[in-house]
Amino acid sequence: MPDWMNILLRSITLVFTLFLLTKLLGKKHISQLSIFDYINGFVLGGIGAILTVHQDVNFWYGLMAMLVWFIIPFTIDYIALKSKTVRDFVQGKSTVIIQDGKIMEDNLKKELFSTDDLLVHLREKDIFHVADVEFALLEPTGKFSVLPKTDSRPLTAKDLNLKLAPKKEPQTVIMDGKMLLEPLANLNLNPAWLETELAKLNVTIENVFLGQADSDGQLTVDLYDDMLSIPSPTEKPLLLATLKKVQADLELYALETENQHSKQLYQVNAAKIEQAIELVDPYLK
């Protein structure tokens, strides 16, 4: 077999082998590498590179070595799931960097962290003043977790006693001009609903690059043609406006009528409509 063919076949085999082994080790190895994972990734890649270009190395011995470097980390990770002691030893522990607004200088030195390193990590969290931090951790993966002081945190709806409607993740129901049935089913919707919503927007599904629907049944689309404008959804604002108009009409009727029975009836129903508006207002805004 020609050398170039041998290298080609080795490369193709190792690409898929490394991909499969990395896939089996889990997504954690992509997003947050521990020290052990970091070393393991380098070694597996190094073995793959050596097997690819060094034809004098026995290919099967190399695969055996890769298998060993897969089995050991996989086994250790499995044991770590059951044992916190093993997990702390392999993955490490988080280190407190700031506690009660006070920088832990000894912990900084222990982690070989300079003051500049600390300030850089805080700026990455949009914090430019150390005095605004209540608590900060250096995670085993090198990431920085920060809890700002209460008066330095952004206001939330809970802080303002606002009631907001619960929101679920939107589903992509159209991609590259094609309907996706499973996301539609996740929202308890069907193709007929989607066709109706597209007709309201006066677009065809073939012209839609991306379409998403939320749990309230609102469809938003992005078209291939960026020059075309899509009207914003109006169903919920119109419904809220209609309810408010009904309430206002009932109150007006109560003021205009001289019949006490009718006046009381209008007032009672106006109050009921007002209560209904308060309940549905977070969902319709």
Protein backbone atom coordinates (compact mmCIF):
# COMPACT_ATOMS: atom_id res chain seq x y z
CA MET A 1 0.00 0.00 0.00
CA PRO A 2 1.39 3.48 -0.87
CA ASP A 3 2.48 5.62 2.07
CA TRP A 4 -0.03 8.35 1.30
CA MET A 5 -2.87 5.82 1.29
CA ASN A 6 -1.70 4.40 4.62
CA ILE A 7 -1.60 7.86 6.21
CA LEU A 8 -5.03 8.70 4.76
CA LEU A 9 -6.63 5.55 6.15
CA ARG A 10 -4.95 6.03 9.55
CA SER A 11 -6.16 9.64 9.70
CA ILE A 12 -9.76 8.78 8.82
CA THR A 13 -9.83 5.94 11.35
CA LEU A 14 -8.32 8.06 14.14
CA VAL A 15 -10.61 11.04 13.50
CA PHE A 16 -13.68 8.91 14.04
CA THR A 17 -12.07 7.03 16.95
CA LEU A 18 -11.16 10.24 18.79
CA PHE A 19 -14.60 11.69 18.10
CA LEU A 20 -16.29 8.56 19.45
CA LEU A 21 -14.13 8.41 22.58
CA THR A 22 -14.64 12.10 23.33
CA LYS A 23 -18.37 11.70 22.79
CA LEU A 24 -18.51 8.79 25.22
CA LEU A 25 -16.59 10.75 27.85
CA GLY A 26 -19.40 13.30 27.90
CA LYS A 27 -20.06 16.96 27.14
CA LYS A 28 -18.37 18.01 30.36
CA HIS A 29 -15.03 17.44 28.67
CA ILE A 30 -15.84 20.15 26.15
CA SER A 31 -17.32 22.83 28.40
CA GLN A 32 -15.40 22.52 31.68
CA LEU A 33 -12.17 20.55 31.72
CA SER A 34 -10.66 19.47 35.01
CA ILE A 35 -6.89 19.04 35.30
CA PHE A 36 -7.25 15.31 34.69
CA ASP A 37 -9.49 15.86 31.66
CA TYR A 38 -7.07 18.45 30.30
CA ILE A 39 -4.13 16.03 30.47
CA ASN A 40 -6.21 13.19 29.06
CA GLY A 41 -7.27 15.26 26.06
CA PHE A 42 -3.68 16.20 25.26
CA VAL A 43 -2.48 12.60 25.51
CA LEU A 44 -5.26 11.21 23.32
CA GLY A 45 -4.58 13.88 20.70
CA GLY A 46 -0.84 13.21 20.89
CA ILE A 47 -1.30 9.47 20.42
CA GLY A 48 -3.56 10.13 17.45
CA ALA A 49 -1.00 12.45 15.85
CA ILE A 50 1.85 9.97 16.36
CA LEU A 51 -0.15 7.11 14.86
CA THR A 52 -1.09 9.25 11.87
CA VAL A 53 2.37 10.35 10.69
CA HIS A 54 4.68 7.65 12.12
CA GLN A 55 4.04 4.59 10.01
CA ASP A 56 6.67 2.56 11.85
CA VAL A 57 4.51 2.64 15.01
CA ASN A 58 2.22 -0.36 15.31
CA PHE A 59 -1.27 0.94 14.62
CA TRP A 60 -3.03 -1.58 16.85
CA TYR A 61 -0.71 -0.87 19.78
CA GLY A 62 -1.60 2.79 19.41
CA LEU A 63 -5.31 2.04 19.43
CA MET A 64 -4.78 -0.09 22.53
CA ALA A 65 -3.06 2.85 24.25
CA MET A 66 -5.94 5.17 23.29
CA LEU A 67 -8.40 2.65 24.67
CA VAL A 68 -6.52 2.57 27.99
CA TRP A 69 -6.54 6.38 28.16
CA PHE A 70 -10.28 6.24 27.54
CA ILE A 71 -11.15 3.48 30.02
CA ILE A 72 -9.22 4.94 32.98
CA PRO A 73 -10.79 8.46 32.86
CA PHE A 74 -14.22 6.96 32.15
CA THR A 75 -13.90 4.66 35.18
CA ILE A 76 -12.63 7.45 37.42
CA ASP A 77 -15.48 9.73 36.37
CA TYR A 78 -17.98 6.98 37.13
CA ILE A 79 -16.48 6.42 40.58
CA ALA A 80 -16.43 10.17 41.17
CA LEU A 81 -20.20 10.26 40.63
CA LYS A 82 -20.57 7.94 43.63
CA SER A 83 -17.84 9.33 45.87
CA LYS A 84 -17.35 12.98 46.83
CA THR A 85 -13.86 12.17 48.14
CA VAL A 86 -12.77 10.90 44.74
CA ARG A 87 -14.54 13.78 43.02
CA ASP A 88 -12.74 16.35 45.17
CA PHE A 89 -9.39 14.67 44.55
CA VAL A 90 -9.78 14.36 40.77
CA GLN A 91 -11.74 17.51 39.96
CA GLY A 92 -10.55 19.70 42.82
CA LYS A 93 -12.48 22.02 45.11
CA SER A 94 -13.70 25.57 44.72
CA THR A 95 -11.57 28.20 46.45
CA VAL A 96 -13.08 31.18 48.26
CA ILE A 97 -11.49 34.35 46.90
CA ILE A 98 -13.79 36.97 48.45
CA GLN A 99 -15.92 36.40 51.55
CA ASP A 100 -18.14 38.94 53.29
CA GLY A 101 -16.66 41.59 51.01
CA LYS A 102 -13.11 40.78 52.14
CA ILE A 103 -10.42 39.49 49.77
CA MET A 104 -8.82 36.24 50.98
CA GLU A 105 -5.17 37.04 50.22
CA ASP A 106 -3.87 33.65 51.41
CA ASN A 107 -6.22 31.83 49.06
CA LEU A 108 -5.11 34.05 46.20
CA LYS A 109 -1.48 33.10 46.84
CA LYS A 110 -2.41 29.44 47.16
CA GLU A 111 -4.00 29.49 43.69
CA LEU A 112 -1.12 31.61 42.25
CA PHE A 113 -3.62 34.35 41.54
CA SER A 114 -2.37 37.91 41.33
CA THR A 115 -4.41 41.02 42.08
CA ASP A 116 -4.49 41.75 38.35
CA ASP A 117 -5.93 38.27 37.70
CA LEU A 118 -8.65 38.94 40.26
CA LEU A 119 -9.56 42.28 38.72
CA VAL A 120 -9.66 40.78 35.21
CA HIS A 121 -12.08 38.05 36.31
CA LEU A 122 -14.29 40.59 38.08
CA ARG A 123 -14.39 42.80 34.99
CA GLU A 124 -15.49 39.79 32.95
CA LYS A 125 -18.48 39.68 35.31
CA ASP A 126 -19.12 43.42 34.68
CA ILE A 127 -17.86 44.31 38.15
CA PHE A 128 -15.28 47.10 38.27
CA HIS A 129 -15.32 47.80 42.01
CA VAL A 130 -14.19 45.09 44.44
CA ALA A 131 -16.30 46.69 47.17
CA ASP A 132 -19.42 45.65 45.23
CA VAL A 133 -18.65 41.93 45.74
CA GLU A 134 -20.09 39.98 48.66
CA PHE A 135 -18.73 36.54 47.76
CA ALA A 136 -16.54 35.08 45.01
CA LEU A 137 -15.35 31.57 44.20
CA LEU A 138 -12.62 30.25 41.92
CA GLU A 139 -14.02 27.03 40.48
CA PRO A 140 -11.85 23.96 39.77
CA THR A 141 -12.31 24.62 36.04
CA GLY A 142 -10.79 28.10 36.40
CA LYS A 143 -14.12 29.89 36.09
CA PHE A 144 -15.03 32.70 38.47
CA SER A 145 -18.37 32.76 40.31
CA VAL A 146 -19.39 36.08 41.87
CA LEU A 147 -22.23 37.13 44.16
CA PRO A 148 -22.58 40.94 44.18
CA LYS A 149 -23.73 42.76 47.28
CA THR A 150 -27.48 43.25 47.55
CA ASP A 151 -27.39 46.94 46.69
CA SER A 152 -25.23 46.24 43.62
CA ARG A 153 -27.44 43.58 42.03
CA PRO A 154 -29.81 44.38 39.16
CA LEU A 155 -33.44 44.82 40.15
CA THR A 156 -35.72 41.88 39.42
CA ALA A 157 -39.47 41.57 39.06
CA LYS A 158 -39.53 39.93 42.50
CA ASP A 159 -37.82 42.98 44.03
CA LEU A 160 -40.53 45.20 42.53
CA ASN A 161 -43.37 42.81 43.49
CA LEU A 162 -44.32 42.42 39.84
CA LYS A 163 -46.23 39.37 38.68
CA LEU A 164 -44.88 37.89 35.47
CA ALA A 165 -46.24 35.04 33.44
CA PRO A 166 -44.20 31.84 33.56
CA LYS A 167 -42.20 31.29 30.39
CA LYS A 168 -41.05 28.05 28.84
CA GLU A 169 -38.34 27.72 26.26
CA PRO A 170 -39.43 28.58 22.70
CA GLN A 171 -39.40 25.81 20.12
CA THR A 172 -37.94 26.07 16.63
CA VAL A 173 -40.80 24.95 14.40
CA ILE A 174 -39.34 26.01 11.02
CA MET A 175 -35.74 25.66 9.94
CA ASP A 176 -34.37 26.29 6.46
CA GLY A 177 -37.86 26.49 5.01
CA LYS A 178 -38.98 23.13 6.43
CA MET A 179 -41.52 22.36 9.13
CA LEU A 180 -40.30 20.53 12.27
CA LEU A 181 -43.05 18.32 13.64
CA GLU A 182 -41.54 17.30 16.99
CA PRO A 183 -41.15 20.87 18.36
CA LEU A 184 -44.73 21.58 17.25
CA ALA A 185 -45.92 18.55 19.20
CA ASN A 186 -43.97 19.71 22.27
CA LEU A 187 -46.14 22.85 22.28
CA ASN A 188 -49.34 20.84 21.61
CA LEU A 189 -49.62 22.50 18.21
CA ASN A 190 -50.11 21.02 14.75
CA PRO A 191 -49.20 21.80 11.12
CA ALA A 192 -52.62 23.34 10.49
CA TRP A 193 -51.96 25.92 13.23
CA LEU A 194 -48.59 26.76 11.71
CA GLU A 195 -50.06 27.19 8.24
CA THR A 196 -52.74 29.50 9.67
CA GLU A 197 -50.16 31.66 11.46
CA LEU A 198 -48.01 31.89 8.33
CA ALA A 199 -51.07 32.95 6.34
CA LYS A 200 -51.68 35.75 8.88
CA LEU A 201 -48.16 36.97 8.23
CA ASN A 202 -48.67 36.58 4.47
CA VAL A 203 -45.54 34.42 4.02
CA THR A 204 -44.96 30.91 2.73
CA ILE A 205 -42.94 28.36 4.65
CA GLU A 206 -40.38 28.13 1.83
CA ASN A 207 -39.44 31.78 2.45
CA VAL A 208 -38.83 31.26 6.19
CA PHE A 209 -35.23 30.79 7.28
CA LEU A 210 -36.10 30.32 10.96
CA GLY A 211 -39.42 30.21 12.78
CA GLN A 212 -39.96 29.91 16.52
CA ALA A 213 -43.10 29.54 18.61
CA ASP A 214 -43.48 30.14 22.34
CA SER A 215 -45.73 28.52 24.91
CA ASP A 216 -48.35 31.23 24.32
CA GLY A 217 -48.68 30.24 20.68
CA GLN A 218 -46.90 33.30 19.30
CA LEU A 219 -44.99 32.68 16.07
CA THR A 220 -41.97 34.77 15.09
CA VAL A 221 -40.14 34.24 11.81
CA ASP A 222 -36.97 35.35 10.07
CA LEU A 223 -37.13 35.37 6.29
CA TYR A 224 -34.48 34.67 3.70
CA ASP A 225 -35.27 38.06 2.16
CA ASP A 226 -34.07 40.63 4.72
CA MET A 227 -35.78 43.44 2.79
CA LEU A 228 -39.25 42.13 3.65
CA SER A 229 -40.79 43.32 6.92
CA ILE A 230 -42.93 41.10 9.13
CA PRO A 231 -45.72 42.64 11.24
CA SER A 232 -45.39 42.16 14.97
CA PRO A 233 -47.90 39.82 16.68
CA THR A 234 -51.00 41.80 17.73
CA GLU A 235 -53.39 39.18 19.13
CA LYS A 236 -52.45 39.59 22.81
CA PRO A 237 -52.32 43.42 22.82
CA LEU A 238 -55.69 43.53 21.02
CA LEU A 239 -57.24 41.12 23.53
CA LEU A 240 -55.99 43.22 26.47
CA ALA A 241 -57.29 46.40 24.85
CA THR A 242 -60.69 44.77 24.23
CA LEU A 243 -60.99 43.69 27.86
CA LYS A 244 -60.17 47.19 29.07
CA LYS A 245 -62.74 48.67 26.67
CA VAL A 246 -65.40 46.29 27.96
CA GLN A 247 -64.65 47.33 31.53
CA ALA A 248 -64.77 51.01 30.62
CA ASP A 249 -68.11 50.54 28.81
CA LEU A 250 -69.64 48.77 31.79
CA GLU A 251 -68.54 51.56 34.13
CA LEU A 252 -69.96 54.13 31.71
CA TYR A 253 -73.30 52.31 31.52
CA ALA A 254 -73.42 52.21 35.33
CA LEU A 255 -73.01 55.99 35.47
CA GLU A 256 -75.59 56.73 32.78
CA THR A 257 -78.46 54.46 33.87
CA GLU A 258 -81.04 55.54 36.43
CA ASN A 259 -82.18 51.97 37.13
CA GLN A 260 -80.58 50.89 40.39
CA HIS A 261 -80.77 47.20 39.55
CA SER A 262 -79.04 47.77 36.20
CA LYS A 263 -76.50 50.12 37.78
CA GLN A 264 -75.56 47.47 40.36
CA LEU A 265 -75.37 44.79 37.66
CA TYR A 266 -73.02 46.91 35.53
CA GLN A 267 -70.81 47.73 38.52
CA VAL A 268 -70.52 44.08 39.59
CA ASN A 269 -69.58 42.93 36.10
CA ALA A 270 -67.12 45.80 35.66
CA ALA A 271 -65.39 44.69 38.87
CA LYS A 272 -65.25 41.11 37.59
CA ILE A 273 -63.71 42.24 34.32
CA GLU A 274 -61.17 44.30 36.28
CA GLN A 275 -60.19 41.22 38.30
CA ALA A 276 -59.87 39.21 35.09
CA ILE A 277 -57.61 41.89 33.58
CA GLU A 278 -55.35 41.77 36.66
CA LEU A 279 -55.02 37.98 36.27
CA VAL A 280 -54.28 37.91 32.55
CA ASP A 281 -52.31 41.17 32.31
CA PRO A 282 -48.88 39.47 32.85
CA TYR A 283 -49.71 36.97 30.09
CA LEU A 284 -50.88 39.55 27.54
CA LYS A 285 -48.10 42.13 27.91
